[in-house]
Amino acid sequence: MGDDGVVTLLPLALLLPLLLLLLMLGMEKVEGPLREDAVTEQLETFLDSARPDEVETFVSEGFAPALDRYWRRRRLGRLLPGRSK
């Protein structure tokens, strides 16, 4: 009966490192975009040309909603006739 336990645990012991490796590779894909400098560049661009209400949104709600509001304003400004930028 002792040999059955070893035989049952052997595949699990061999499979566990592979599962951990796959998990680590998956986490690398998730973490990659978070470490990029693109976020820093977007933040600098946003803070250089944001309006006070957009900065208030940034402070109260976070970067993503404030950046969405900023880009909506920029798109709207390009669509309106007679407006530069």
PDB file of N, CA and C in Angstrom:
ATOM      1  N   MET A   1       0.823  -1.188   0.000  1.00  0.00           N
ATOM      2  CA  MET A   1       0.000   0.000   0.000  1.00  0.00           C
ATOM      3  C   MET A   1       0.871   1.257   0.000  1.00  0.00           C
ATOM      4  N   GLY A   2       2.057   1.204   0.560  1.00  0.00           N
ATOM      5  CA  GLY A   2       2.951   2.353   0.589  1.00  0.00           C
ATOM      6  C   GLY A   2       3.436   2.740  -0.792  1.00  0.00           C
ATOM      7  N   ASP A   3       3.586   1.780  -1.699  1.00  0.00           N
ATOM      8  CA  ASP A   3       4.044   2.058  -3.057  1.00  0.00           C
ATOM      9  C   ASP A   3       2.981   2.780  -3.874  1.00  0.00           C
ATOM     10  N   ASP A   4       1.708   2.551  -3.603  1.00  0.00           N
ATOM     11  CA  ASP A   4       0.633   3.220  -4.334  1.00  0.00           C
ATOM     12  C   ASP A   4       0.646   4.724  -4.080  1.00  0.00           C
ATOM     13  N   GLY A   5       0.966   5.135  -2.878  1.00  0.00           N
ATOM     14  CA  GLY A   5       1.029   6.561  -2.556  1.00  0.00           C
ATOM     15  C   GLY A   5       2.160   7.257  -3.279  1.00  0.00           C
ATOM     16  N   VAL A   6       3.296   6.594  -3.409  1.00  0.00           N
ATOM     17  CA  VAL A   6       4.447   7.156  -4.112  1.00  0.00           C
ATOM     18  C   VAL A   6       4.139   7.273  -5.600  1.00  0.00           C
ATOM     19  N   VAL A   7       3.499   6.263  -6.160  1.00  0.00           N
ATOM     20  CA  VAL A   7       3.154   6.267  -7.581  1.00  0.00           C
ATOM     21  C   VAL A   7       2.123   7.361  -7.866  1.00  0.00           C
ATOM     22  N   THR A   8       1.221   7.600  -6.955  1.00  0.00           N
ATOM     23  CA  THR A   8       0.198   8.627  -7.142  1.00  0.00           C
ATOM     24  C   THR A   8       0.800  10.026  -7.019  1.00  0.00           C
ATOM     25  N   LEU A   9       1.732  10.217  -6.131  1.00  0.00           N
ATOM     26  CA  LEU A   9       2.327  11.532  -5.936  1.00  0.00           C
ATOM     27  C   LEU A   9       3.394  11.876  -6.967  1.00  0.00           C
ATOM     28  N   LEU A  10       3.957  10.888  -7.621  1.00  0.00           N
ATOM     29  CA  LEU A  10       5.021  11.130  -8.595  1.00  0.00           C
ATOM     30  C   LEU A  10       4.564  12.013  -9.758  1.00  0.00           C
ATOM     31  N   PRO A  11       3.440  11.731 -10.413  1.00  0.00           N
ATOM     32  CA  PRO A  11       3.002  12.634 -11.494  1.00  0.00           C
ATOM     33  C   PRO A  11       2.710  14.048 -10.983  1.00  0.00           C
ATOM     34  N   LEU A  12       2.153  14.155  -9.798  1.00  0.00           N
ATOM     35  CA  LEU A  12       1.866  15.462  -9.224  1.00  0.00           C
ATOM     36  C   LEU A  12       3.163  16.226  -8.939  1.00  0.00           C
ATOM     37  N   ALA A  13       4.159  15.523  -8.434  1.00  0.00           N
ATOM     38  CA  ALA A  13       5.441  16.158  -8.142  1.00  0.00           C
ATOM     39  C   ALA A  13       6.145  16.603  -9.423  1.00  0.00           C
ATOM     40  N   LEU A  14       5.961  15.884 -10.497  1.00  0.00           N
ATOM     41  CA  LEU A  14       6.559  16.264 -11.768  1.00  0.00           C
ATOM     42  C   LEU A  14       5.763  17.360 -12.472  1.00  0.00           C
ATOM     43  N   LEU A  15       4.482  17.402 -12.256  1.00  0.00           N
ATOM     44  CA  LEU A  15       3.611  18.368 -12.913  1.00  0.00           C
ATOM     45  C   LEU A  15       3.610  19.733 -12.217  1.00  0.00           C
ATOM     46  N   LEU A  16       3.809  19.760 -10.936  1.00  0.00           N
ATOM     47  CA  LEU A  16       3.749  21.002 -10.173  1.00  0.00           C
ATOM     48  C   LEU A  16       4.758  22.058 -10.653  1.00  0.00           C
ATOM     49  N   PRO A  17       6.023  21.730 -10.889  1.00  0.00           N
ATOM     50  CA  PRO A  17       6.942  22.762 -11.398  1.00  0.00           C
ATOM     51  C   PRO A  17       6.526  23.319 -12.766  1.00  0.00           C
ATOM     52  N   LEU A  18       5.983  22.460 -13.605  1.00  0.00           N
ATOM     53  CA  LEU A  18       5.517  22.937 -14.916  1.00  0.00           C
ATOM     54  C   LEU A  18       4.328  23.893 -14.772  1.00  0.00           C
ATOM     55  N   LEU A  19       3.433  23.584 -13.871  1.00  0.00           N
ATOM     56  CA  LEU A  19       2.295  24.478 -13.626  1.00  0.00           C
ATOM     57  C   LEU A  19       2.758  25.822 -13.065  1.00  0.00           C
ATOM     58  N   LEU A  20       3.725  25.796 -12.172  1.00  0.00           N
ATOM     59  CA  LEU A  20       4.271  27.039 -11.630  1.00  0.00           C
ATOM     60  C   LEU A  20       4.962  27.863 -12.714  1.00  0.00           C
ATOM     61  N   LEU A  21       5.667  27.201 -13.612  1.00  0.00           N
ATOM     62  CA  LEU A  21       6.328  27.893 -14.714  1.00  0.00           C
ATOM     63  C   LEU A  21       5.304  28.554 -15.629  1.00  0.00           C
ATOM     64  N   LEU A  22       4.234  27.842 -15.942  1.00  0.00           N
ATOM     65  CA  LEU A  22       3.178  28.425 -16.773  1.00  0.00           C
ATOM     66  C   LEU A  22       2.516  29.610 -16.083  1.00  0.00           C
ATOM     67  N   LEU A  23       2.300  29.513 -14.801  1.00  0.00           N
ATOM     68  CA  LEU A  23       1.730  30.619 -14.042  1.00  0.00           C
ATOM     69  C   LEU A  23       2.654  31.837 -14.064  1.00  0.00           C
ATOM     70  N   MET A  24       3.942  31.615 -13.909  1.00  0.00           N
ATOM     71  CA  MET A  24       4.904  32.724 -13.929  1.00  0.00           C
ATOM     72  C   MET A  24       4.959  33.377 -15.308  1.00  0.00           C
ATOM     73  N   LEU A  25       4.895  32.591 -16.367  1.00  0.00           N
ATOM     74  CA  LEU A  25       4.888  33.153 -17.718  1.00  0.00           C
ATOM     75  C   LEU A  25       3.621  33.979 -17.969  1.00  0.00           C
ATOM     76  N   GLY A  26       2.506  33.489 -17.470  1.00  0.00           N
ATOM     77  CA  GLY A  26       1.261  34.245 -17.597  1.00  0.00           C
ATOM     78  C   GLY A  26       1.305  35.559 -16.837  1.00  0.00           C
ATOM     79  N   MET A  27       1.870  35.545 -15.648  1.00  0.00           N
ATOM     80  CA  MET A  27       1.976  36.769 -14.863  1.00  0.00           C
ATOM     81  C   MET A  27       2.916  37.775 -15.530  1.00  0.00           C
ATOM     82  N   GLU A  28       3.945  37.288 -16.203  1.00  0.00           N
ATOM     83  CA  GLU A  28       4.860  38.175 -16.923  1.00  0.00           C
ATOM     84  C   GLU A  28       4.115  38.936 -18.015  1.00  0.00           C
ATOM     85  N   LYS A  29       3.202  38.255 -18.701  1.00  0.00           N
ATOM     86  CA  LYS A  29       2.413  38.930 -19.733  1.00  0.00           C
ATOM     87  C   LYS A  29       1.503  39.991 -19.125  1.00  0.00           C
ATOM     88  N   VAL A  30       0.982  39.730 -17.956  1.00  0.00           N
ATOM     89  CA  VAL A  30       0.105  40.698 -17.292  1.00  0.00           C
ATOM     90  C   VAL A  30       0.908  41.889 -16.769  1.00  0.00           C
ATOM     91  N   GLU A  31       2.079  41.627 -16.200  1.00  0.00           N
ATOM     92  CA  GLU A  31       2.881  42.692 -15.594  1.00  0.00           C
ATOM     93  C   GLU A  31       3.642  43.521 -16.614  1.00  0.00           C
ATOM     94  N   GLY A  32       3.910  42.980 -17.783  1.00  0.00           N
ATOM     95  CA  GLY A  32       4.710  43.678 -18.797  1.00  0.00           C
ATOM     96  C   GLY A  32       4.193  45.076 -19.118  1.00  0.00           C
ATOM     97  N   PRO A  33       2.933  45.221 -19.498  1.00  0.00           N
ATOM     98  CA  PRO A  33       2.429  46.558 -19.828  1.00  0.00           C
ATOM     99  C   PRO A  33       2.430  47.518 -18.643  1.00  0.00           C
ATOM    100  N   LEU A  34       2.364  46.995 -17.445  1.00  0.00           N
ATOM    101  CA  LEU A  34       2.352  47.863 -16.273  1.00  0.00           C
ATOM    102  C   LEU A  34       3.714  48.482 -16.000  1.00  0.00           C
ATOM    103  N   ARG A  35       4.768  47.847 -16.469  1.00  0.00           N
ATOM    104  CA  ARG A  35       6.115  48.346 -16.226  1.00  0.00           C
ATOM    105  C   ARG A  35       6.619  49.256 -17.345  1.00  0.00           C
ATOM    106  N   GLU A  36       5.904  49.368 -18.423  1.00  0.00           N
ATOM    107  CA  GLU A  36       6.392  50.132 -19.569  1.00  0.00           C
ATOM    108  C   GLU A  36       6.437  51.625 -19.259  1.00  0.00           C
ATOM    109  N   ASP A  37       7.313  52.305 -19.966  1.00  0.00           N
ATOM    110  CA  ASP A  37       7.453  53.744 -19.798  1.00  0.00           C
ATOM    111  C   ASP A  37       6.331  54.519 -20.472  1.00  0.00           C
ATOM    112  N   ALA A  38       5.494  53.849 -21.249  1.00  0.00           N
ATOM    113  CA  ALA A  38       4.401  54.525 -21.934  1.00  0.00           C
ATOM    114  C   ALA A  38       3.449  55.187 -20.944  1.00  0.00           C
ATOM    115  N   VAL A  39       3.235  54.562 -19.826  1.00  0.00           N
ATOM    116  CA  VAL A  39       2.344  55.133 -18.810  1.00  0.00           C
ATOM    117  C   VAL A  39       2.934  56.441 -18.282  1.00  0.00           C
ATOM    118  N   THR A  40       4.237  56.466 -18.069  1.00  0.00           N
ATOM    119  CA  THR A  40       4.895  57.676 -17.594  1.00  0.00           C
ATOM    120  C   THR A  40       4.787  58.793 -18.616  1.00  0.00           C
ATOM    121  N   GLU A  41       4.985  58.459 -19.888  1.00  0.00           N
ATOM    122  CA  GLU A  41       4.875  59.464 -20.946  1.00  0.00           C
ATOM    123  C   GLU A  41       3.457  60.001 -21.043  1.00  0.00           C
ATOM    124  N   GLN A  42       2.468  59.128 -20.949  1.00  0.00           N
ATOM    125  CA  GLN A  42       1.074  59.572 -20.995  1.00  0.00           C
ATOM    126  C   GLN A  42       0.767  60.492 -19.818  1.00  0.00           C
ATOM    127  N   LEU A  43       1.290  60.155 -18.649  1.00  0.00           N
ATOM    128  CA  LEU A  43       1.051  60.984 -17.475  1.00  0.00           C
ATOM    129  C   LEU A  43       1.685  62.358 -17.642  1.00  0.00           C
ATOM    130  N   GLU A  44       2.901  62.420 -18.162  1.00  0.00           N
ATOM    131  CA  GLU A  44       3.559  63.707 -18.388  1.00  0.00           C
ATOM    132  C   GLU A  44       2.781  64.553 -19.389  1.00  0.00           C
ATOM    133  N   THR A  45       2.352  63.949 -20.491  1.00  0.00           N
ATOM    134  CA  THR A  45       1.569  64.666 -21.500  1.00  0.00           C
ATOM    135  C   THR A  45       0.265  65.164 -20.905  1.00  0.00           C
ATOM    136  N   PHE A  46      -0.368  64.321 -20.134  1.00  0.00           N
ATOM    137  CA  PHE A  46      -1.633  64.693 -19.507  1.00  0.00           C
ATOM    138  C   PHE A  46      -1.447  65.873 -18.555  1.00  0.00           C
ATOM    139  N   LEU A  47      -0.463  65.802 -17.688  1.00  0.00           N
ATOM    140  CA  LEU A  47      -0.273  66.860 -16.697  1.00  0.00           C
ATOM    141  C   LEU A  47       0.177  68.176 -17.334  1.00  0.00           C
ATOM    142  N   ASP A  48       0.855  68.111 -18.473  1.00  0.00           N
ATOM    143  CA  ASP A  48       1.284  69.329 -19.151  1.00  0.00           C
ATOM    144  C   ASP A  48       0.123  70.096 -19.771  1.00  0.00           C
ATOM    145  N   SER A  49      -0.917  69.397 -20.221  1.00  0.00           N
ATOM    146  CA  SER A  49      -1.975  70.092 -20.952  1.00  0.00           C
ATOM    147  C   SER A  49      -3.378  69.845 -20.406  1.00  0.00           C
ATOM    148  N   ALA A  50      -3.495  69.303 -19.224  1.00  0.00           N
ATOM    149  CA  ALA A  50      -4.816  69.025 -18.648  1.00  0.00           C
ATOM    150  C   ALA A  50      -5.434  70.294 -18.073  1.00  0.00           C
ATOM    151  N   ARG A  51      -6.731  70.343 -18.135  1.00  0.00           N
ATOM    152  CA  ARG A  51      -7.484  71.438 -17.525  1.00  0.00           C
ATOM    153  C   ARG A  51      -7.670  71.149 -16.041  1.00  0.00           C
ATOM    154  N   PRO A  52      -8.033  72.167 -15.259  1.00  0.00           N
ATOM    155  CA  PRO A  52      -8.205  71.951 -13.812  1.00  0.00           C
ATOM    156  C   PRO A  52      -9.239  70.874 -13.468  1.00  0.00           C
ATOM    157  N   ASP A  53     -10.346  70.808 -14.220  1.00  0.00           N
ATOM    158  CA  ASP A  53     -11.353  69.782 -13.913  1.00  0.00           C
ATOM    159  C   ASP A  53     -10.824  68.376 -14.218  1.00  0.00           C
ATOM    160  N   GLU A  54      -9.956  68.256 -15.217  1.00  0.00           N
ATOM    161  CA  GLU A  54      -9.368  66.955 -15.519  1.00  0.00           C
ATOM    162  C   GLU A  54      -8.349  66.550 -14.448  1.00  0.00           C
ATOM    163  N   VAL A  55      -7.624  67.518 -13.929  1.00  0.00           N
ATOM    164  CA  VAL A  55      -6.688  67.232 -12.842  1.00  0.00           C
ATOM    165  C   VAL A  55      -7.467  66.830 -11.590  1.00  0.00           C
ATOM    166  N   GLU A  56      -8.598  67.487 -11.349  1.00  0.00           N
ATOM    167  CA  GLU A  56      -9.445  67.117 -10.212  1.00  0.00           C
ATOM    168  C   GLU A  56      -9.959  65.687 -10.356  1.00  0.00           C
ATOM    169  N   THR A  57     -10.346  65.305 -11.578  1.00  0.00           N
ATOM    170  CA  THR A  57     -10.762  63.926 -11.836  1.00  0.00           C
ATOM    171  C   THR A  57      -9.610  62.972 -11.567  1.00  0.00           C
ATOM    172  N   PHE A  58      -8.404  63.372 -11.963  1.00  0.00           N
ATOM    173  CA  PHE A  58      -7.217  62.546 -11.719  1.00  0.00           C
ATOM    174  C   PHE A  58      -7.003  62.320 -10.225  1.00  0.00           C
ATOM    175  N   VAL A  59      -7.144  63.386  -9.455  1.00  0.00           N
ATOM    176  CA  VAL A  59      -6.918  63.287  -8.014  1.00  0.00           C
ATOM    177  C   VAL A  59      -8.011  62.458  -7.337  1.00  0.00           C
ATOM    178  N   SER A  60      -9.252  62.665  -7.730  1.00  0.00           N
ATOM    179  CA  SER A  60     -10.350  62.007  -7.031  1.00  0.00           C
ATOM    180  C   SER A  60     -10.644  60.595  -7.537  1.00  0.00           C
ATOM    181  N   GLU A  61     -10.474  60.340  -8.838  1.00  0.00           N
ATOM    182  CA  GLU A  61     -10.883  59.053  -9.387  1.00  0.00           C
ATOM    183  C   GLU A  61      -9.728  58.198  -9.907  1.00  0.00           C
ATOM    184  N   GLY A  62      -8.574  58.794 -10.095  1.00  0.00           N
ATOM    185  CA  GLY A  62      -7.436  58.025 -10.604  1.00  0.00           C
ATOM    186  C   GLY A  62      -7.062  58.439 -12.004  1.00  0.00           C
ATOM    187  N   PHE A  63      -5.994  57.835 -12.498  1.00  0.00           N
ATOM    188  CA  PHE A  63      -5.426  58.233 -13.778  1.00  0.00           C
ATOM    189  C   PHE A  63      -6.282  57.819 -14.971  1.00  0.00           C
ATOM    190  N   ALA A  64      -6.809  56.611 -14.973  1.00  0.00           N
ATOM    191  CA  ALA A  64      -7.546  56.104 -16.136  1.00  0.00           C
ATOM    192  C   ALA A  64      -8.788  56.959 -16.465  1.00  0.00           C
ATOM    193  N   PRO A  65      -9.666  57.263 -15.504  1.00  0.00           N
ATOM    194  CA  PRO A  65     -10.822  58.100 -15.842  1.00  0.00           C
ATOM    195  C   PRO A  65     -10.418  59.511 -16.281  1.00  0.00           C
ATOM    196  N   ALA A  66      -9.397  60.066 -15.656  1.00  0.00           N
ATOM    197  CA  ALA A  66      -8.951  61.405 -16.040  1.00  0.00           C
ATOM    198  C   ALA A  66      -8.370  61.403 -17.445  1.00  0.00           C
ATOM    199  N   LEU A  67      -7.622  60.389 -17.789  1.00  0.00           N
ATOM    200  CA  LEU A  67      -7.042  60.303 -19.123  1.00  0.00           C
ATOM    201  C   LEU A  67      -8.130  60.096 -20.165  1.00  0.00           C
ATOM    202  N   ASP A  68      -9.143  59.310 -19.852  1.00  0.00           N
ATOM    203  CA  ASP A  68     -10.272  59.144 -20.776  1.00  0.00           C
ATOM    204  C   ASP A  68     -10.957  60.475 -21.031  1.00  0.00           C
ATOM    205  N   ARG A  69     -11.172  61.239 -19.986  1.00  0.00           N
ATOM    206  CA  ARG A  69     -11.814  62.550 -20.121  1.00  0.00           C
ATOM    207  C   ARG A  69     -10.955  63.499 -20.960  1.00  0.00           C
ATOM    208  N   TYR A  70      -9.647  63.450 -20.746  1.00  0.00           N
ATOM    209  CA  TYR A  70      -8.709  64.288 -21.495  1.00  0.00           C
ATOM    210  C   TYR A  70      -8.750  63.950 -22.986  1.00  0.00           C
ATOM    211  N   TRP A  71      -8.706  62.655 -23.320  1.00  0.00           N
ATOM    212  CA  TRP A  71      -8.708  62.267 -24.725  1.00  0.00           C
ATOM    213  C   TRP A  71     -10.048  62.558 -25.381  1.00  0.00           C
ATOM    214  N   ARG A  72     -11.157  62.455 -24.653  1.00  0.00           N
ATOM    215  CA  ARG A  72     -12.458  62.843 -25.218  1.00  0.00           C
ATOM    216  C   ARG A  72     -12.466  64.316 -25.573  1.00  0.00           C
ATOM    217  N   ARG A  73     -11.912  65.154 -24.688  1.00  0.00           N
ATOM    218  CA  ARG A  73     -11.858  66.593 -24.967  1.00  0.00           C
ATOM    219  C   ARG A  73     -11.006  66.857 -26.189  1.00  0.00           C
ATOM    220  N   ARG A  74      -9.875  66.173 -26.305  1.00  0.00           N
ATOM    221  CA  ARG A  74      -8.987  66.381 -27.456  1.00  0.00           C
ATOM    222  C   ARG A  74      -9.662  65.965 -28.768  1.00  0.00           C
ATOM    223  N   ARG A  75     -10.371  64.833 -28.756  1.00  0.00           N
ATOM    224  CA  ARG A  75     -11.079  64.388 -29.964  1.00  0.00           C
ATOM    225  C   ARG A  75     -12.180  65.360 -30.329  1.00  0.00           C
ATOM    226  N   LEU A  76     -12.917  65.821 -29.336  1.00  0.00           N
ATOM    227  CA  LEU A  76     -14.001  66.762 -29.579  1.00  0.00           C
ATOM    228  C   LEU A  76     -13.457  68.067 -30.146  1.00  0.00           C
ATOM    229  N   GLY A  77     -12.329  68.519 -29.630  1.00  0.00           N
ATOM    230  CA  GLY A  77     -11.711  69.747 -30.130  1.00  0.00           C
ATOM    231  C   GLY A  77     -11.301  69.631 -31.584  1.00  0.00           C
ATOM    232  N   ARG A  78     -10.867  68.469 -32.013  1.00  0.00           N
ATOM    233  CA  ARG A  78     -10.493  68.278 -33.417  1.00  0.00           C
ATOM    234  C   ARG A  78     -11.707  68.189 -34.310  1.00  0.00           C
ATOM    235  N   LEU A  79     -12.833  67.726 -33.781  1.00  0.00           N
ATOM    236  CA  LEU A  79     -14.039  67.582 -34.601  1.00  0.00           C
ATOM    237  C   LEU A  79     -14.774  68.901 -34.809  1.00  0.00           C
ATOM    238  N   LEU A  80     -14.649  69.823 -33.869  1.00  0.00           N
ATOM    239  CA  LEU A  80     -15.348  71.095 -33.974  1.00  0.00           C
ATOM    240  C   LEU A  80     -14.662  71.997 -34.989  1.00  0.00           C
ATOM    241  N   PRO A  81     -15.433  72.618 -35.893  1.00  0.00           N
ATOM    242  CA  PRO A  81     -14.818  73.508 -36.886  1.00  0.00           C
ATOM    243  C   PRO A  81     -14.336  74.798 -36.224  1.00  0.00           C
ATOM    244  N   GLY A  82     -13.236  75.340 -36.744  1.00  0.00           N
ATOM    245  CA  GLY A  82     -12.715  76.612 -36.244  1.00  0.00           C
ATOM    246  C   GLY A  82     -11.865  76.497 -35.012  1.00  0.00           C
ATOM    247  N   ARG A  83     -11.598  75.315 -34.548  1.00  0.00           N
ATOM    248  CA  ARG A  83     -10.762  75.123 -33.363  1.00  0.00           C
ATOM    249  C   ARG A  83      -9.432  74.537 -33.771  1.00  0.00           C
ATOM    250  N   SER A  84      -8.378  75.118 -33.283  1.00  0.00           N
ATOM    251  CA  SER A  84      -7.067  74.554 -33.553  1.00  0.00           C
ATOM    252  C   SER A  84      -6.689  73.598 -32.442  1.00  0.00           C
ATOM    253  N   LYS A  85      -5.959  72.550 -32.806  1.00  0.00           N
ATOM    254  CA  LYS A  85      -5.600  71.476 -31.873  1.00  0.00           C
ATOM    255  C   LYS A  85      -6.848  70.840 -31.406  1.00  0.00           C
TER     256      LYS A  85
END
